[in-house]
Structures are given as C-alpha cells and as structure tokens.
Amino acid sequence: MTSTSASGLARFNALEETAALAELHEACASTAWARQLITARPFTTPEDLYAASDAAMAELTTADLEEAMAGHPPIGRPKPGDPTSSREQSGMAGASADLKAEMLELNLAYQEKFGHVFLICATGRTGEQMRDAVKERIGNSPEQEREIVRTELGKINRIRLARLLDAA
C-alpha cells in the first residue's frame, strides 16, 4: 500500500457519512452500493475496500444496476465537463469520424435492445476494442448482459475507488 493510498484510506474512513456518500456517488451512482460501503467502514487496506465494493456489486438488484448505469454516459459521448468519463473513454477521443458514427449507431441499437447504455470498463481500451465489444455483446440475452454489466461496473468501481484514495 502506497503512503498516498494509506492516507487516502484513512481520510475516507474518517469522513462524515454524507461526505463519504458523496465521494462514493462519484465512483458509482448506485445508492445501495454506496450505503453498503459506508456500513462496512472502517477499511484496513485498499484491498478490503475493493473486496467490499465487489461484494456490494454482487448483491445489487436489477433496479440498483439500472441506477448505477444511469451515471454513465454512452461510449463516445462523455458528459461535457466530466473529466472522469472523458479520461475513461479516451480511447474514443482519437477515433475516426467513421468509427464514432458506427459507435453511435451501435450504442443506439444496444440501448434499444437492452433499455440502457452499453457499459464497458473503457479504461485502456481503443475505440476499435469498444466497438468490437458492443458488436459481440449485442447478441447476448438480457440476463447474460446484466451479469456482464455487473462485472464491468465492478471493474470501473475499483479504478474509481483507487483514484479516490490516491486523490488525498
């Protein structure tokens, strides 16, 4: 554990509940997920925090997952002024106009089929990799896709929690 993440963890453990919930909401829009992490405090190590995050993610209902997904913009269209989604989706930033147009089309088709945005842990992925993933996943059943989304959200949450600890 780095001294930065250790001090970040100590700071997070010491936060008043409302402030801690606000920070967690920046990582994941699910209220149930955030409440479970608040209840599990204090954490001894960052790994304990990540394990609690994974456990909370595993228990989310379909409605909780929908709430979490609502906090994520479509791939290729990060929220203006949102450095987190812009950073995470940087693989689309340099994409060609054709790839961006194709991704928009695929996003719309995916959203029409599943009723929510295509969600993937975009950190470190190229635009082509994200396009290929949506093409592959659009053939899934809603049940398969819900579990893939749960896994992808878990990966995103771990990255965002690590950033929260390092921001101290």
Protein backbone atom coordinates (compact mmCIF):
# COMPACT_ATOMS: atom_id res chain seq x y z
CA MET A 1 0.00 0.00 0.00
CA THR A 2 1.43 3.35 -1.00
CA SER A 3 1.53 6.13 1.55
CA THR A 4 -0.84 8.12 -0.68
CA SER A 5 -3.46 5.34 -0.73
CA ALA A 6 -2.92 4.76 3.03
CA SER A 7 -3.58 8.41 3.79
CA GLY A 8 -6.47 8.40 1.32
CA LEU A 9 -7.99 5.38 3.04
CA ALA A 10 -7.60 7.00 6.47
CA ARG A 11 -9.22 10.18 5.12
CA PHE A 12 -12.10 8.19 3.59
CA ASN A 13 -12.65 6.18 6.80
CA ALA A 14 -12.81 9.44 8.80
CA LEU A 15 -15.28 11.23 6.52
CA GLU A 16 -18.68 12.14 7.89
CA GLU A 17 -21.34 9.87 6.32
CA THR A 18 -22.84 12.48 3.96
CA ALA A 19 -19.40 13.44 2.62
CA ALA A 20 -18.40 9.79 2.21
CA LEU A 21 -21.63 9.04 0.35
CA ALA A 22 -20.98 11.99 -1.97
CA GLU A 23 -17.49 10.69 -2.77
CA LEU A 24 -18.79 7.18 -3.37
CA HIS A 25 -21.54 8.55 -5.60
CA GLU A 26 -18.79 9.99 -7.81
CA ALA A 27 -17.46 6.44 -8.21
CA CYS A 28 -20.83 4.72 -8.70
CA ALA A 29 -24.36 6.10 -8.93
CA SER A 30 -25.90 3.16 -7.03
CA THR A 31 -27.20 4.26 -3.62
CA ALA A 32 -27.36 0.65 -2.38
CA TRP A 33 -23.69 0.06 -3.31
CA ALA A 34 -22.56 3.24 -1.57
CA ARG A 35 -24.59 2.50 1.58
CA GLN A 36 -23.06 -0.97 1.85
CA LEU A 37 -19.56 0.51 1.68
CA ILE A 38 -20.41 3.13 4.29
CA THR A 39 -21.70 0.41 6.61
CA ALA A 40 -18.52 -1.63 6.14
CA ARG A 41 -16.18 1.20 7.22
CA PRO A 42 -13.53 1.44 8.52
CA PHE A 43 -11.36 -0.38 5.99
CA THR A 44 -7.90 -1.60 6.96
CA THR A 45 -6.44 -1.75 3.44
CA PRO A 46 -7.46 -0.59 -0.03
CA GLU A 47 -7.93 -4.28 -0.89
CA ASP A 48 -10.55 -4.51 1.88
CA LEU A 49 -12.38 -1.57 0.29
CA TYR A 50 -12.21 -3.18 -3.17
CA ALA A 51 -13.46 -6.52 -1.78
CA ALA A 52 -16.37 -4.74 -0.07
CA SER A 53 -17.13 -2.99 -3.36
CA ASP A 54 -17.17 -6.32 -5.21
CA ALA A 55 -19.42 -7.88 -2.56
CA ALA A 56 -21.83 -4.93 -2.71
CA MET A 57 -21.86 -5.09 -6.53
CA ALA A 58 -22.74 -8.80 -6.41
CA GLU A 59 -25.81 -8.01 -4.30
CA LEU A 60 -27.26 -5.23 -6.44
CA THR A 61 -30.78 -5.78 -7.72
CA THR A 62 -31.74 -5.05 -11.32
CA ALA A 63 -33.08 -1.65 -10.19
CA ASP A 64 -29.80 -0.92 -8.37
CA LEU A 65 -27.83 -1.82 -11.52
CA GLU A 66 -30.07 0.48 -13.57
CA GLU A 67 -29.37 3.29 -11.11
CA ALA A 68 -25.62 2.63 -11.39
CA MET A 69 -25.75 2.57 -15.21
CA ALA A 70 -27.66 5.85 -15.32
CA GLY A 71 -24.50 7.52 -14.05
CA HIS A 72 -22.54 6.51 -17.16
CA PRO A 73 -22.67 8.36 -20.48
CA PRO A 74 -22.70 6.43 -23.77
CA ILE A 75 -19.30 5.35 -25.11
CA GLY A 76 -18.01 8.05 -27.41
CA ARG A 77 -20.11 10.77 -25.78
CA PRO A 78 -18.61 11.60 -22.38
CA LYS A 79 -20.51 14.15 -20.34
CA PRO A 80 -19.28 17.68 -21.10
CA GLY A 81 -17.16 18.95 -18.24
CA ASP A 82 -16.81 15.46 -16.73
CA PRO A 83 -13.08 14.68 -16.58
CA THR A 84 -13.72 11.14 -15.29
CA SER A 85 -15.78 9.93 -18.25
CA SER A 86 -13.51 11.80 -20.68
CA ARG A 87 -10.41 10.13 -19.19
CA GLU A 88 -12.02 6.69 -19.11
CA GLN A 89 -13.24 6.98 -22.69
CA SER A 90 -10.02 8.48 -24.05
CA GLY A 91 -9.73 5.52 -26.45
CA MET A 92 -12.58 7.08 -28.45
CA ALA A 93 -11.09 10.59 -28.43
CA GLY A 94 -8.81 9.99 -31.41
CA ALA A 95 -11.23 7.70 -33.26
CA SER A 96 -12.07 8.43 -36.87
CA ALA A 97 -15.37 10.07 -37.75
CA ASP A 98 -16.47 6.74 -39.27
CA LEU A 99 -15.71 4.84 -36.06
CA LYS A 100 -17.52 7.46 -33.96
CA ALA A 101 -20.56 7.27 -36.26
CA GLU A 102 -20.51 3.46 -36.13
CA MET A 103 -20.25 3.56 -32.33
CA LEU A 104 -23.22 5.93 -32.13
CA GLU A 105 -25.27 3.53 -34.27
CA LEU A 106 -24.23 0.53 -32.18
CA ASN A 107 -24.93 2.39 -28.92
CA LEU A 108 -28.45 3.19 -30.11
CA ALA A 109 -29.11 -0.40 -31.23
CA TYR A 110 -27.79 -1.72 -27.92
CA GLN A 111 -29.86 0.74 -25.91
CA GLU A 112 -32.97 -0.17 -27.89
CA LYS A 113 -32.44 -3.88 -27.20
CA PHE A 114 -31.44 -3.68 -23.52
CA GLY A 115 -33.01 -0.41 -22.35
CA HIS A 116 -29.75 1.06 -21.03
CA VAL A 117 -26.39 2.38 -22.22
CA PHE A 118 -23.69 -0.01 -23.37
CA LEU A 119 -21.40 -0.22 -20.36
CA ILE A 120 -17.80 -1.38 -20.50
CA CYS A 121 -14.71 -0.64 -18.47
CA ALA A 122 -13.28 1.61 -21.17
CA THR A 123 -10.02 2.45 -19.38
CA GLY A 124 -7.12 1.37 -21.59
CA ARG A 125 -9.34 0.23 -24.48
CA THR A 126 -9.16 1.57 -28.00
CA GLY A 127 -12.21 2.73 -29.90
CA GLU A 128 -11.98 -0.38 -32.07
CA GLN A 129 -11.92 -2.65 -29.00
CA MET A 130 -15.03 -0.94 -27.61
CA ARG A 131 -16.78 -1.23 -30.98
CA ASP A 132 -15.92 -4.92 -31.21
CA ALA A 133 -17.19 -5.49 -27.66
CA VAL A 134 -20.59 -3.90 -28.33
CA LYS A 135 -20.90 -5.90 -31.57
CA GLU A 136 -20.17 -9.09 -29.64
CA ARG A 137 -22.41 -8.32 -26.67
CA ILE A 138 -25.47 -7.14 -28.59
CA GLY A 139 -26.25 -10.81 -29.29
CA ASN A 140 -26.49 -11.63 -25.57
CA SER A 141 -29.69 -12.29 -23.70
CA PRO A 142 -30.79 -9.59 -21.22
CA GLU A 143 -29.80 -11.91 -18.35
CA GLN A 144 -26.29 -12.52 -19.76
CA GLU A 145 -25.83 -8.84 -20.41
CA ARG A 146 -26.94 -7.85 -16.89
CA GLU A 147 -24.20 -10.04 -15.40
CA ILE A 148 -21.57 -8.69 -17.82
CA VAL A 149 -22.64 -5.16 -16.89
CA ARG A 150 -22.32 -6.07 -13.20
CA THR A 151 -18.74 -7.28 -13.84
CA GLU A 152 -17.84 -4.20 -15.91
CA LEU A 153 -19.26 -1.87 -13.24
CA GLY A 154 -17.17 -3.69 -10.64
CA LYS A 155 -14.02 -3.03 -12.68
CA ILE A 156 -14.93 0.64 -13.13
CA ASN A 157 -15.68 1.00 -9.41
CA ARG A 158 -12.27 -0.45 -8.45
CA ILE A 159 -10.48 2.03 -10.75
CA ARG A 160 -12.51 4.94 -9.42
CA LEU A 161 -12.05 3.90 -5.78
CA ALA A 162 -8.28 3.67 -6.31
CA ARG A 163 -8.35 7.17 -7.78
CA LEU A 164 -10.42 8.39 -4.80
CA LEU A 165 -7.79 7.01 -2.39
CA ASP A 166 -4.92 8.49 -4.39
CA ALA A 167 -6.57 11.91 -4.52
CA ALA A 168 -6.00 12.50 -0.81
